[in-house]
């Protein structure tokens, strides 16, 4: 069984100073809310900021154990459907930013992907990868492991932008509750 790790850092998707508009409580009882995405597992979270702190969109905030500078507490995990329109609009751009920052981790996915079942390979989970392309990736990586996204695209001509495949898969995992295999996110 996979042990679920806590997110330590998150990127702010939206700041709701007067609480969530769909909160049924009267406005004076609502607390400010920050919608954010974890940087390690792309968890969508609702955070409560400290009262006197200003938090901006795209800001990276610490949410791990110990003293937090800007966040009072992690209120709960939320689903994609609970995000505000602003947060939904910003999500693809921030996923792309994280994928580019953590390029090495995602290149390792190409280097270490293995079969899941006798008929399904981890590489098949990326959009656009069928059997023929999967075998080309495996043959190429067996000669020499991939070092970067540009290395992948230069050695495998039919993958001009491997990072876009990763981003697309992450977005699918976040948006679709019925995804069977969560490769980059957690349920």
Protein backbone atom coordinates (compact mmCIF):
# COMPACT_ATOMS: atom_id res chain seq x y z
CA UNK A 1 0.00 0.00 0.00
CA UNK A 2 1.26 3.43 -0.96
CA UNK A 3 1.81 5.76 2.00
CA UNK A 4 0.38 9.17 1.23
CA UNK A 5 2.92 11.92 1.76
CA UNK A 6 1.97 15.40 2.84
CA UNK A 7 2.54 18.31 0.52
CA UNK A 8 5.18 20.68 1.87
CA UNK A 9 4.85 23.56 -0.61
CA UNK A 10 1.92 24.78 -2.64
CA UNK A 11 1.35 27.36 -5.36
CA UNK A 12 -1.57 29.77 -4.94
CA UNK A 13 -4.29 29.42 -7.60
CA UNK A 14 -6.84 31.86 -6.13
CA UNK A 15 -7.36 33.99 -3.02
CA UNK A 16 -10.89 34.42 -1.67
CA UNK A 17 -10.69 37.11 1.01
CA UNK A 18 -14.39 36.84 1.89
CA UNK A 19 -14.49 33.04 1.83
CA UNK A 20 -15.93 30.78 -0.84
CA UNK A 21 -19.02 32.34 -2.54
CA UNK A 22 -20.87 29.02 -2.32
CA UNK A 23 -20.35 28.80 1.47
CA UNK A 24 -23.91 28.73 2.90
CA UNK A 25 -22.89 30.54 6.10
CA UNK A 26 -23.48 34.29 6.42
CA UNK A 27 -20.56 36.40 5.11
CA UNK A 28 -19.45 37.53 8.58
CA UNK A 29 -18.89 33.88 9.61
CA UNK A 30 -16.80 32.95 6.56
CA UNK A 31 -13.01 32.85 6.75
CA UNK A 32 -10.60 33.82 3.97
CA UNK A 33 -9.65 30.90 1.73
CA UNK A 34 -6.68 30.23 -0.52
CA UNK A 35 -7.03 27.62 -3.24
CA UNK A 36 -3.67 26.08 -4.04
CA UNK A 37 -1.93 23.18 -5.78
CA UNK A 38 0.75 21.10 -4.08
CA UNK A 39 4.09 21.06 -5.84
CA UNK A 40 5.03 17.41 -5.26
CA UNK A 41 1.80 15.49 -5.91
CA UNK A 42 -0.39 18.19 -7.47
CA UNK A 43 -2.96 17.91 -4.67
CA UNK A 44 -5.65 20.58 -4.84
CA UNK A 45 -6.00 22.20 -1.44
CA UNK A 46 -7.99 24.77 0.45
CA UNK A 47 -5.80 26.74 2.85
CA UNK A 48 -6.60 29.30 5.53
CA UNK A 49 -4.16 32.24 5.47
CA UNK A 50 -2.89 33.96 8.60
CA UNK A 51 -5.09 37.02 9.34
CA UNK A 52 -2.68 39.87 8.63
CA UNK A 53 -0.76 38.32 5.73
CA UNK A 54 -1.10 39.29 2.08
CA UNK A 55 -1.00 36.35 -0.31
CA UNK A 56 -0.77 36.74 -4.07
CA UNK A 57 -1.59 34.52 -7.05
CA UNK A 58 1.25 32.24 -8.18
CA UNK A 59 2.98 32.61 -4.81
CA UNK A 60 4.75 29.55 -3.46
CA UNK A 61 3.69 29.01 0.18
CA UNK A 62 5.06 26.60 2.78
CA UNK A 63 2.38 24.27 4.19
CA UNK A 64 4.54 21.59 5.82
CA UNK A 65 4.89 20.82 9.51
CA UNK A 66 6.42 23.45 11.72
CA UNK A 67 6.11 27.23 11.64
CA UNK A 68 4.39 28.56 8.53
CA UNK A 69 4.98 32.13 7.48
CA UNK A 70 1.73 32.83 5.63
CA UNK A 71 -0.64 29.88 6.08
CA UNK A 72 -2.49 29.22 9.32
CA UNK A 73 -3.67 25.73 8.38
CA UNK A 74 -4.55 23.37 5.57
CA UNK A 75 -8.33 23.27 5.68
CA UNK A 76 -8.99 20.34 3.33
CA UNK A 77 -8.31 18.68 0.01
CA UNK A 78 -10.65 19.65 -2.76
CA UNK A 79 -11.56 18.28 -6.15
CA UNK A 80 -11.17 20.02 -9.49
CA UNK A 81 -14.91 20.74 -9.59
CA UNK A 82 -14.59 22.78 -6.36
CA UNK A 83 -12.03 25.17 -7.82
CA UNK A 84 -13.12 28.70 -8.66
CA UNK A 85 -13.12 29.79 -12.31
CA UNK A 86 -9.94 31.75 -11.66
CA UNK A 87 -8.20 28.71 -10.14
CA UNK A 88 -9.30 26.49 -13.03
CA UNK A 89 -7.94 29.01 -15.51
CA UNK A 90 -4.57 29.25 -13.75
CA UNK A 91 -4.14 25.52 -13.11
CA UNK A 92 -2.73 24.46 -16.53
CA UNK A 93 -0.14 27.26 -16.46
CA UNK A 94 1.00 26.37 -12.95
CA UNK A 95 1.13 22.64 -13.75
CA UNK A 96 3.37 23.54 -16.71
CA UNK A 97 5.57 25.69 -14.47
CA UNK A 98 6.01 22.85 -11.95
CA UNK A 99 6.69 20.28 -14.68
CA UNK A 100 9.44 22.49 -16.11
CA UNK A 101 10.92 23.13 -12.64
CA UNK A 102 10.91 19.40 -11.86
CA UNK A 103 12.05 18.31 -15.34
CA UNK A 104 14.47 15.73 -13.95
CA UNK A 105 11.65 13.89 -12.09
CA UNK A 106 9.54 13.63 -15.22
CA UNK A 107 12.44 12.61 -17.45
CA UNK A 108 13.02 9.82 -14.91
CA UNK A 109 9.47 8.64 -15.63
CA UNK A 110 10.53 7.99 -19.23
CA UNK A 111 13.70 6.27 -17.97
CA UNK A 112 12.04 4.01 -15.39
CA UNK A 113 8.55 3.29 -16.77
CA UNK A 114 7.69 -0.43 -16.60
CA UNK A 115 4.72 -2.62 -17.58
CA UNK A 116 1.65 -2.32 -15.33
CA UNK A 117 -0.09 -5.42 -16.67
CA UNK A 118 0.86 -7.88 -19.42
CA UNK A 119 -0.96 -5.68 -21.96
CA UNK A 120 -0.44 -2.19 -20.45
CA UNK A 121 2.79 -0.20 -20.02
CA UNK A 122 3.22 2.95 -17.92
CA UNK A 123 4.19 4.81 -21.10
CA UNK A 124 0.75 4.05 -22.58
CA UNK A 125 -0.74 6.32 -19.92
CA UNK A 126 0.77 9.34 -21.62
CA UNK A 127 -1.46 10.77 -24.36
CA UNK A 128 -0.29 9.90 -27.86
CA UNK A 129 1.86 6.91 -26.94
CA UNK A 130 0.82 3.65 -28.55
CA UNK A 131 2.67 0.36 -28.93
CA UNK A 132 4.97 1.42 -31.77
CA UNK A 133 6.07 4.64 -30.03
CA UNK A 134 6.41 2.83 -26.69
CA UNK A 135 8.85 0.33 -28.26
CA UNK A 136 10.82 3.17 -29.85
CA UNK A 137 11.13 4.89 -26.45
CA UNK A 138 12.20 1.64 -24.74
CA UNK A 139 14.78 0.82 -27.43
CA UNK A 140 16.20 4.35 -27.33
CA UNK A 141 16.44 4.48 -23.53
CA UNK A 142 18.09 1.02 -23.45
CA UNK A 143 20.95 2.43 -25.52
CA UNK A 144 21.29 5.50 -23.27
CA UNK A 145 19.00 6.95 -20.58
CA UNK A 146 17.30 10.26 -21.33
CA UNK A 147 18.79 13.36 -19.73
CA UNK A 148 16.21 16.08 -20.43
CA UNK A 149 13.02 16.87 -22.32
CA UNK A 150 15.11 18.21 -25.20
CA UNK A 151 17.12 14.98 -25.21
CA UNK A 152 13.89 12.98 -25.53
CA UNK A 153 12.58 15.16 -28.36
CA UNK A 154 15.88 15.10 -30.26
CA UNK A 155 16.25 11.31 -30.05
CA UNK A 156 12.59 10.46 -30.64
CA UNK A 157 11.35 12.60 -33.52
CA UNK A 158 7.66 11.75 -33.00
CA UNK A 159 7.74 13.37 -29.51
CA UNK A 160 8.52 17.04 -30.16
CA UNK A 161 7.27 18.15 -26.69
CA UNK A 162 7.42 15.42 -24.03
CA UNK A 163 6.58 17.97 -21.33
CA UNK A 164 3.19 18.59 -22.98
CA UNK A 165 2.38 14.88 -22.70
CA UNK A 166 3.18 15.01 -18.97
CA UNK A 167 1.14 18.21 -18.45
CA UNK A 168 -1.79 16.73 -20.35
CA UNK A 169 -1.70 13.56 -18.23
CA UNK A 170 -1.55 15.54 -14.96
CA UNK A 171 -4.51 17.68 -16.05
CA UNK A 172 -6.49 14.55 -16.96
CA UNK A 173 -5.77 13.02 -13.54
CA UNK A 174 -6.88 16.23 -11.79
CA UNK A 175 -10.03 16.79 -13.86
CA UNK A 176 -11.34 13.24 -14.24
CA UNK A 177 -12.35 11.37 -11.08
CA UNK A 178 -12.66 8.10 -13.00
CA UNK A 179 -8.99 7.87 -14.06
CA UNK A 180 -7.88 4.36 -13.11
CA UNK A 181 -4.13 4.93 -12.83
CA UNK A 182 -2.79 7.97 -11.01
CA UNK A 183 0.78 8.35 -12.19
CA UNK A 184 1.63 11.89 -11.14
CA UNK A 185 -1.18 12.79 -8.71
CA UNK A 186 -2.84 11.08 -5.76
CA UNK A 187 -6.53 10.36 -5.40
